[in-house]
């Protein structure tokens, strides 16, 4: 997960959105740590109880959401989520399946199955031309 995240971070642009899907222990937070480490951000932990953590690397901001405790998109929107949709930052969102109606139309989805010692499978799904281009860059 860490290596995939770093590879994606190389191609990611400001204004980007990654929606992470998967069960407990699937590797969502590991992915976020790998993505952030590419930009030199090393103190990353899951914001399960605070819902969002804000990281800065130079002029780049990364907002890390964990929607595990949310029951609906309305809860996310009520906390001002739309204000985070800033074209100068990147959003990484864990438990996106809990807030599907709030996700931006243009995004990259990462669906992870498996956890713990079980094998993992990862499916990347792009919504938008910029994400199609990122996935093309990943192809060997």
N, C-alpha and C. Protein backbone atom coordinates (compact mmCIF):
# COMPACT_ATOMS: atom_id res chain seq x y z
N UNK A 1 0.83 -1.19 0.00
CA UNK A 1 0.00 0.00 0.00
C UNK A 1 0.87 1.25 0.00
N UNK A 2 1.93 1.16 0.78
CA UNK A 2 2.84 2.31 0.91
C UNK A 2 3.47 2.64 -0.44
N UNK A 3 3.95 1.63 -1.15
CA UNK A 3 4.61 1.85 -2.44
C UNK A 3 3.63 2.38 -3.49
N UNK A 4 2.42 1.84 -3.53
CA UNK A 4 1.40 2.33 -4.45
C UNK A 4 1.10 3.79 -4.16
N UNK A 5 0.97 4.12 -2.89
CA UNK A 5 0.66 5.50 -2.50
C UNK A 5 1.75 6.47 -2.95
N UNK A 6 3.00 6.10 -2.73
CA UNK A 6 4.09 6.97 -3.15
C UNK A 6 4.11 7.15 -4.67
N UNK A 7 3.84 6.07 -5.39
CA UNK A 7 3.80 6.15 -6.86
C UNK A 7 2.68 7.09 -7.31
N UNK A 8 1.52 6.99 -6.70
CA UNK A 8 0.42 7.88 -7.05
C UNK A 8 0.74 9.33 -6.69
N UNK A 9 1.39 9.53 -5.55
CA UNK A 9 1.73 10.88 -5.10
C UNK A 9 2.63 11.60 -6.11
N UNK A 10 3.49 10.84 -6.79
CA UNK A 10 4.37 11.44 -7.80
C UNK A 10 3.58 12.15 -8.89
N UNK A 11 2.43 11.61 -9.22
CA UNK A 11 1.63 12.13 -10.34
C UNK A 11 0.49 13.03 -9.90
N UNK A 12 0.25 13.12 -8.61
CA UNK A 12 -0.93 13.83 -8.15
C UNK A 12 -0.75 15.34 -8.22
N UNK A 13 -1.84 16.02 -8.47
CA UNK A 13 -1.85 17.48 -8.61
C UNK A 13 -2.68 18.10 -7.49
N UNK A 14 -2.43 19.38 -7.24
CA UNK A 14 -3.25 20.11 -6.29
C UNK A 14 -4.70 20.08 -6.76
N UNK A 15 -5.60 20.03 -5.80
CA UNK A 15 -7.01 19.92 -6.12
C UNK A 15 -7.48 18.49 -6.23
N UNK A 16 -6.59 17.53 -6.00
CA UNK A 16 -6.91 16.12 -6.16
C UNK A 16 -7.69 15.55 -4.99
N UNK A 17 -8.41 14.48 -5.29
CA UNK A 17 -9.24 13.82 -4.27
C UNK A 17 -9.10 12.31 -4.43
N UNK A 18 -8.72 11.64 -3.35
CA UNK A 18 -8.66 10.19 -3.34
C UNK A 18 -9.66 9.67 -2.32
N UNK A 19 -10.59 8.86 -2.78
CA UNK A 19 -11.60 8.24 -1.92
C UNK A 19 -11.17 6.79 -1.68
N UNK A 20 -10.91 6.44 -0.42
CA UNK A 20 -10.46 5.11 -0.05
C UNK A 20 -11.63 4.29 0.50
N UNK A 21 -11.75 3.06 0.00
CA UNK A 21 -12.81 2.14 0.40
C UNK A 21 -12.17 0.85 0.90
N UNK A 22 -12.71 0.28 1.95
CA UNK A 22 -12.20 -0.99 2.45
C UNK A 22 -12.52 -1.17 3.92
N UNK A 23 -12.49 -2.40 4.38
CA UNK A 23 -12.83 -2.70 5.75
C UNK A 23 -11.72 -2.36 6.73
N UNK A 24 -11.98 -2.68 8.00
CA UNK A 24 -10.98 -2.46 9.05
C UNK A 24 -9.72 -3.26 8.72
N UNK A 25 -8.58 -2.61 8.84
CA UNK A 25 -7.31 -3.29 8.61
C UNK A 25 -6.95 -3.51 7.16
N UNK A 26 -7.68 -2.88 6.25
CA UNK A 26 -7.42 -3.09 4.82
C UNK A 26 -6.15 -2.39 4.35
N UNK A 27 -5.74 -1.34 5.03
CA UNK A 27 -4.54 -0.61 4.63
C UNK A 27 -4.79 0.82 4.21
N UNK A 28 -5.94 1.36 4.54
CA UNK A 28 -6.28 2.73 4.14
C UNK A 28 -5.33 3.74 4.77
N UNK A 29 -5.12 3.62 6.08
CA UNK A 29 -4.22 4.56 6.76
C UNK A 29 -2.79 4.35 6.31
N UNK A 30 -2.40 3.12 6.05
CA UNK A 30 -1.07 2.84 5.51
C UNK A 30 -0.88 3.55 4.17
N UNK A 31 -1.92 3.53 3.35
CA UNK A 31 -1.87 4.24 2.07
C UNK A 31 -1.66 5.73 2.31
N UNK A 32 -2.42 6.31 3.22
CA UNK A 32 -2.29 7.75 3.51
C UNK A 32 -0.89 8.07 4.00
N UNK A 33 -0.34 7.23 4.86
CA UNK A 33 1.02 7.46 5.36
C UNK A 33 2.03 7.44 4.20
N UNK A 34 1.89 6.48 3.29
CA UNK A 34 2.78 6.42 2.14
C UNK A 34 2.66 7.63 1.24
N UNK A 35 1.43 8.06 0.99
CA UNK A 35 1.18 9.22 0.14
C UNK A 35 1.82 10.46 0.77
N UNK A 36 1.57 10.66 2.05
CA UNK A 36 2.11 11.84 2.73
C UNK A 36 3.62 11.80 2.83
N UNK A 37 4.19 10.61 3.01
CA UNK A 37 5.65 10.52 3.14
C UNK A 37 6.36 10.99 1.88
N UNK A 38 5.71 10.82 0.72
CA UNK A 38 6.30 11.30 -0.52
C UNK A 38 6.57 12.81 -0.45
N UNK A 39 5.73 13.52 0.28
CA UNK A 39 5.86 14.98 0.42
C UNK A 39 6.62 15.38 1.68
N UNK A 40 7.20 14.39 2.38
CA UNK A 40 7.99 14.67 3.57
C UNK A 40 7.18 14.78 4.85
N UNK A 41 5.92 14.41 4.81
CA UNK A 41 5.06 14.45 6.00
C UNK A 41 5.13 13.07 6.65
N UNK A 42 5.68 13.02 7.86
CA UNK A 42 5.91 11.73 8.49
C UNK A 42 5.01 11.46 9.70
N UNK A 43 4.44 12.47 10.29
CA UNK A 43 3.58 12.30 11.46
C UNK A 43 2.14 12.19 11.01
N UNK A 44 1.73 11.00 10.62
CA UNK A 44 0.38 10.76 10.11
C UNK A 44 -0.28 9.68 10.96
N UNK A 45 -1.50 9.97 11.40
CA UNK A 45 -2.29 8.98 12.11
C UNK A 45 -3.75 9.13 11.70
N UNK A 46 -4.53 8.11 11.95
CA UNK A 46 -5.93 8.14 11.53
C UNK A 46 -6.73 9.13 12.37
N UNK A 47 -7.49 10.00 11.72
CA UNK A 47 -8.30 10.98 12.46
C UNK A 47 -9.69 10.46 12.80
N UNK A 48 -9.78 9.21 13.26
CA UNK A 48 -11.07 8.58 13.51
C UNK A 48 -11.95 9.42 14.45
N UNK A 49 -11.37 9.99 15.48
CA UNK A 49 -12.19 10.72 16.45
C UNK A 49 -12.30 12.21 16.14
N UNK A 50 -11.39 12.74 15.34
CA UNK A 50 -11.46 14.16 14.98
C UNK A 50 -12.05 14.36 13.59
N UNK A 51 -12.23 13.32 12.83
CA UNK A 51 -12.76 13.27 11.47
C UNK A 51 -11.76 13.78 10.43
N UNK A 52 -11.02 14.84 10.71
CA UNK A 52 -10.08 15.36 9.71
C UNK A 52 -8.79 15.85 10.38
N UNK A 53 -7.67 15.59 9.72
CA UNK A 53 -6.37 16.14 10.11
C UNK A 53 -5.82 16.90 8.91
N UNK A 54 -5.14 17.97 9.21
CA UNK A 54 -4.61 18.86 8.18
C UNK A 54 -3.08 18.79 8.23
N UNK A 55 -2.46 18.52 7.08
CA UNK A 55 -1.01 18.45 6.98
C UNK A 55 -0.53 19.48 5.95
N UNK A 56 0.68 19.99 6.16
CA UNK A 56 1.25 20.98 5.25
C UNK A 56 2.66 20.57 4.88
N UNK A 57 2.96 20.70 3.58
CA UNK A 57 4.31 20.48 3.07
C UNK A 57 4.59 21.61 2.08
N UNK A 58 5.34 22.60 2.52
CA UNK A 58 5.57 23.77 1.66
C UNK A 58 4.25 24.47 1.39
N UNK A 59 3.93 24.64 0.10
CA UNK A 59 2.67 25.30 -0.24
C UNK A 59 1.54 24.30 -0.50
N UNK A 60 1.79 23.04 -0.20
CA UNK A 60 0.78 22.00 -0.40
C UNK A 60 0.10 21.67 0.93
N UNK A 61 -1.23 21.56 0.88
CA UNK A 61 -1.97 21.08 2.04
C UNK A 61 -2.62 19.74 1.70
N UNK A 62 -2.64 18.86 2.68
CA UNK A 62 -3.31 17.58 2.53
C UNK A 62 -4.28 17.46 3.70
N UNK A 63 -5.55 17.26 3.37
CA UNK A 63 -6.56 17.04 4.40
C UNK A 63 -6.92 15.56 4.39
N UNK A 64 -6.76 14.93 5.54
CA UNK A 64 -6.96 13.50 5.71
C UNK A 64 -8.24 13.28 6.51
N UNK A 65 -9.26 12.78 5.84
CA UNK A 65 -10.55 12.53 6.47
C UNK A 65 -10.69 11.06 6.81
N UNK A 66 -11.35 10.78 7.93
CA UNK A 66 -11.74 9.43 8.29
C UNK A 66 -13.23 9.49 8.63
N UNK A 67 -14.05 8.93 7.76
CA UNK A 67 -15.51 9.04 7.90
C UNK A 67 -16.12 7.81 8.56
N UNK A 68 -15.31 7.04 9.26
CA UNK A 68 -15.78 5.81 9.91
C UNK A 68 -16.95 6.08 10.86
N UNK A 69 -16.88 7.15 11.61
CA UNK A 69 -17.90 7.45 12.62
C UNK A 69 -19.10 8.21 12.06
N UNK A 70 -19.08 8.53 10.77
CA UNK A 70 -20.20 9.27 10.19
C UNK A 70 -21.24 8.30 9.63
N UNK A 71 -22.49 8.67 9.80
CA UNK A 71 -23.59 7.83 9.33
C UNK A 71 -24.14 8.27 7.99
N UNK A 72 -23.78 9.49 7.56
CA UNK A 72 -24.34 9.99 6.30
C UNK A 72 -23.51 11.13 5.75
N UNK A 73 -23.76 11.42 4.49
CA UNK A 73 -23.13 12.57 3.83
C UNK A 73 -23.55 13.87 4.50
N UNK A 74 -24.77 13.91 5.00
CA UNK A 74 -25.27 15.13 5.66
C UNK A 74 -24.40 15.51 6.85
N UNK A 75 -23.93 14.53 7.60
CA UNK A 75 -23.05 14.83 8.74
C UNK A 75 -21.74 15.46 8.28
N UNK A 76 -21.19 14.94 7.20
CA UNK A 76 -19.95 15.49 6.66
C UNK A 76 -20.17 16.91 6.15
N UNK A 77 -21.24 17.11 5.43
CA UNK A 77 -21.54 18.44 4.90
C UNK A 77 -21.82 19.44 6.02
N UNK A 78 -22.46 19.00 7.10
CA UNK A 78 -22.77 19.88 8.23
C UNK A 78 -21.51 20.38 8.93
N UNK A 79 -20.42 19.63 8.83
CA UNK A 79 -19.17 20.08 9.46
C UNK A 79 -18.34 20.98 8.54
N UNK A 80 -18.92 21.38 7.38
CA UNK A 80 -18.24 22.31 6.49
C UNK A 80 -17.33 21.65 5.46
N UNK A 81 -17.61 20.42 5.10
CA UNK A 81 -16.75 19.69 4.17
C UNK A 81 -16.50 20.44 2.87
N UNK A 82 -17.50 21.11 2.34
CA UNK A 82 -17.35 21.80 1.05
C UNK A 82 -16.23 22.85 1.08
N UNK A 83 -15.95 23.40 2.26
CA UNK A 83 -14.87 24.38 2.39
C UNK A 83 -13.49 23.74 2.20
N UNK A 84 -13.41 22.44 2.38
CA UNK A 84 -12.14 21.73 2.21
C UNK A 84 -11.84 21.44 0.74
N UNK A 85 -12.85 21.53 -0.11
CA UNK A 85 -12.66 21.24 -1.54
C UNK A 85 -11.95 22.41 -2.20
N UNK A 86 -10.69 22.53 -1.90
CA UNK A 86 -9.84 23.65 -2.29
C UNK A 86 -8.92 23.22 -3.42
N UNK A 87 -8.87 24.00 -4.50
CA UNK A 87 -8.01 23.59 -5.62
C UNK A 87 -6.51 23.68 -5.33
N UNK A 88 -6.12 24.15 -4.15
CA UNK A 88 -4.70 24.24 -3.83
C UNK A 88 -4.23 23.12 -2.90
N UNK A 89 -5.13 22.20 -2.56
CA UNK A 89 -4.77 21.11 -1.66
C UNK A 89 -5.17 19.76 -2.23
N UNK A 90 -4.94 18.74 -1.44
CA UNK A 90 -5.30 17.36 -1.80
C UNK A 90 -6.11 16.80 -0.64
N UNK A 91 -7.15 16.04 -0.96
CA UNK A 91 -7.94 15.38 0.07
C UNK A 91 -7.79 13.87 -0.09
N UNK A 92 -7.51 13.21 1.04
CA UNK A 92 -7.47 11.76 1.13
C UNK A 92 -8.56 11.37 2.12
N UNK A 93 -9.52 10.55 1.70
CA UNK A 93 -10.66 10.24 2.56
C UNK A 93 -10.81 8.74 2.77
N UNK A 94 -10.69 8.32 4.04
CA UNK A 94 -10.95 6.94 4.42
C UNK A 94 -12.44 6.76 4.70
N UNK A 95 -12.93 5.54 4.50
CA UNK A 95 -14.33 5.19 4.73
C UNK A 95 -15.26 6.05 3.87
N UNK A 96 -14.89 6.24 2.64
CA UNK A 96 -15.69 7.05 1.71
C UNK A 96 -17.06 6.45 1.46
N UNK A 97 -17.18 5.13 1.64
CA UNK A 97 -18.48 4.48 1.42
C UNK A 97 -19.55 5.01 2.37
N UNK A 98 -19.15 5.64 3.47
CA UNK A 98 -20.12 6.17 4.42
C UNK A 98 -20.70 7.52 4.00
N UNK A 99 -20.08 8.16 3.02
CA UNK A 99 -20.50 9.52 2.63
C UNK A 99 -20.54 9.67 1.11
N UNK A 100 -20.98 8.65 0.42
CA UNK A 100 -20.94 8.63 -1.05
C UNK A 100 -21.55 9.88 -1.70
N UNK A 101 -22.65 10.36 -1.18
CA UNK A 101 -23.34 11.50 -1.79
C UNK A 101 -22.54 12.80 -1.69
N UNK A 102 -21.55 12.86 -0.81
CA UNK A 102 -20.76 14.08 -0.64
C UNK A 102 -19.49 14.09 -1.49
N UNK A 103 -19.14 12.95 -2.09
CA UNK A 103 -17.89 12.87 -2.85
C UNK A 103 -17.97 13.74 -4.10
N UNK A 104 -16.88 14.41 -4.45
CA UNK A 104 -16.89 15.20 -5.68
C UNK A 104 -16.99 14.28 -6.91
N UNK A 105 -17.57 14.79 -7.97
CA UNK A 105 -17.71 13.99 -9.19
C UNK A 105 -16.35 13.56 -9.72
N UNK A 106 -15.38 14.44 -9.66
CA UNK A 106 -14.04 14.16 -10.15
C UNK A 106 -13.19 13.65 -8.98
N UNK A 107 -12.74 12.38 -9.10
CA UNK A 107 -11.99 11.78 -8.00
C UNK A 107 -11.33 10.48 -8.46
N UNK A 108 -10.41 10.01 -7.64
CA UNK A 108 -9.83 8.69 -7.81
C UNK A 108 -10.32 7.84 -6.65
N UNK A 109 -10.89 6.69 -6.95
CA UNK A 109 -11.32 5.77 -5.91
C UNK A 109 -10.34 4.61 -5.83
N UNK A 110 -10.03 4.23 -4.60
CA UNK A 110 -9.17 3.07 -4.36
C UNK A 110 -9.97 2.10 -3.50
N UNK A 111 -10.31 0.96 -4.07
CA UNK A 111 -11.09 -0.07 -3.39
C UNK A 111 -10.14 -1.18 -2.97
N UNK A 112 -10.07 -1.41 -1.65
CA UNK A 112 -9.15 -2.40 -1.09
C UNK A 112 -9.97 -3.51 -0.45
N UNK A 113 -9.65 -4.74 -0.82
CA UNK A 113 -10.28 -5.87 -0.13
C UNK A 113 -9.18 -6.72 0.49
N UNK A 114 -9.54 -7.41 1.57
CA UNK A 114 -8.56 -8.16 2.33
C UNK A 114 -8.04 -7.32 3.49
N UNK A 115 -7.50 -7.98 4.51
CA UNK A 115 -6.93 -7.26 5.65
C UNK A 115 -6.05 -8.20 6.45
N UNK A 116 -5.31 -7.61 7.37
CA UNK A 116 -4.43 -8.42 8.21
C UNK A 116 -3.46 -9.23 7.39
N UNK A 117 -3.42 -10.55 7.63
CA UNK A 117 -2.50 -11.40 6.87
C UNK A 117 -3.13 -11.93 5.59
N UNK A 118 -4.43 -11.65 5.39
CA UNK A 118 -5.10 -12.06 4.15
C UNK A 118 -4.54 -11.27 2.97
N UNK A 119 -4.50 -11.90 1.81
CA UNK A 119 -4.03 -11.16 0.63
C UNK A 119 -4.96 -9.99 0.32
N UNK A 120 -4.37 -8.93 -0.19
CA UNK A 120 -5.15 -7.75 -0.54
C UNK A 120 -5.26 -7.64 -2.05
N UNK A 121 -6.40 -7.14 -2.48
CA UNK A 121 -6.56 -6.75 -3.87
C UNK A 121 -6.93 -5.28 -3.87
N UNK A 122 -6.43 -4.58 -4.87
CA UNK A 122 -6.66 -3.15 -4.97
C UNK A 122 -7.19 -2.84 -6.35
N UNK A 123 -8.27 -2.10 -6.40
CA UNK A 123 -8.85 -1.66 -7.67
C UNK A 123 -8.87 -0.14 -7.68
N UNK A 124 -8.30 0.45 -8.72
CA UNK A 124 -8.29 1.90 -8.89
C UNK A 124 -9.34 2.27 -9.92
N UNK A 125 -10.21 3.22 -9.56
CA UNK A 125 -11.28 3.65 -10.45
C UNK A 125 -11.21 5.17 -10.58
N UNK A 126 -11.10 5.64 -11.82
CA UNK A 126 -10.99 7.08 -12.04
C UNK A 126 -12.33 7.67 -12.46
N UNK A 127 -12.58 8.85 -11.96
CA UNK A 127 -13.74 9.65 -12.33
C UNK A 127 -13.20 11.02 -12.75
N UNK A 128 -12.96 11.18 -14.04
CA UNK A 128 -12.42 12.45 -14.54
C UNK A 128 -11.16 12.24 -15.35
N UNK A 129 -10.97 13.09 -16.34
CA UNK A 129 -9.84 12.98 -17.25
C UNK A 129 -8.49 13.02 -16.54
N UNK A 130 -8.35 13.90 -15.52
CA UNK A 130 -7.06 14.00 -14.84
C UNK A 130 -6.70 12.70 -14.13
N UNK A 131 -7.70 11.97 -13.65
CA UNK A 131 -7.44 10.71 -12.97
C UNK A 131 -7.20 9.59 -13.98
N UNK A 132 -7.84 9.67 -15.14
CA UNK A 132 -7.53 8.73 -16.22
C UNK A 132 -6.05 8.84 -16.58
N UNK A 133 -5.56 10.08 -16.67
CA UNK A 133 -4.16 10.32 -17.03
C UNK A 133 -3.21 9.76 -15.95
N UNK A 134 -3.58 9.92 -14.71
CA UNK A 134 -2.74 9.39 -13.61
C UNK A 134 -2.67 7.87 -13.70
N UNK A 135 -3.78 7.23 -13.95
CA UNK A 135 -3.79 5.77 -14.06
C UNK A 135 -2.99 5.30 -15.27
N UNK A 136 -3.04 6.06 -16.35
CA UNK A 136 -2.24 5.72 -17.53
C UNK A 136 -0.75 5.79 -17.21
N UNK A 137 -0.34 6.77 -16.39
CA UNK A 137 1.06 6.90 -16.00
C UNK A 137 1.53 5.70 -15.18
N UNK A 138 0.63 5.07 -14.47
CA UNK A 138 0.98 3.90 -13.64
C UNK A 138 1.24 2.65 -14.46
N UNK A 139 0.70 2.62 -15.68
CA UNK A 139 0.84 1.43 -16.53
C UNK A 139 2.30 1.26 -16.93
N UNK A 140 2.80 0.02 -16.91
CA UNK A 140 4.21 -0.22 -17.30
C UNK A 140 4.43 -0.02 -18.77
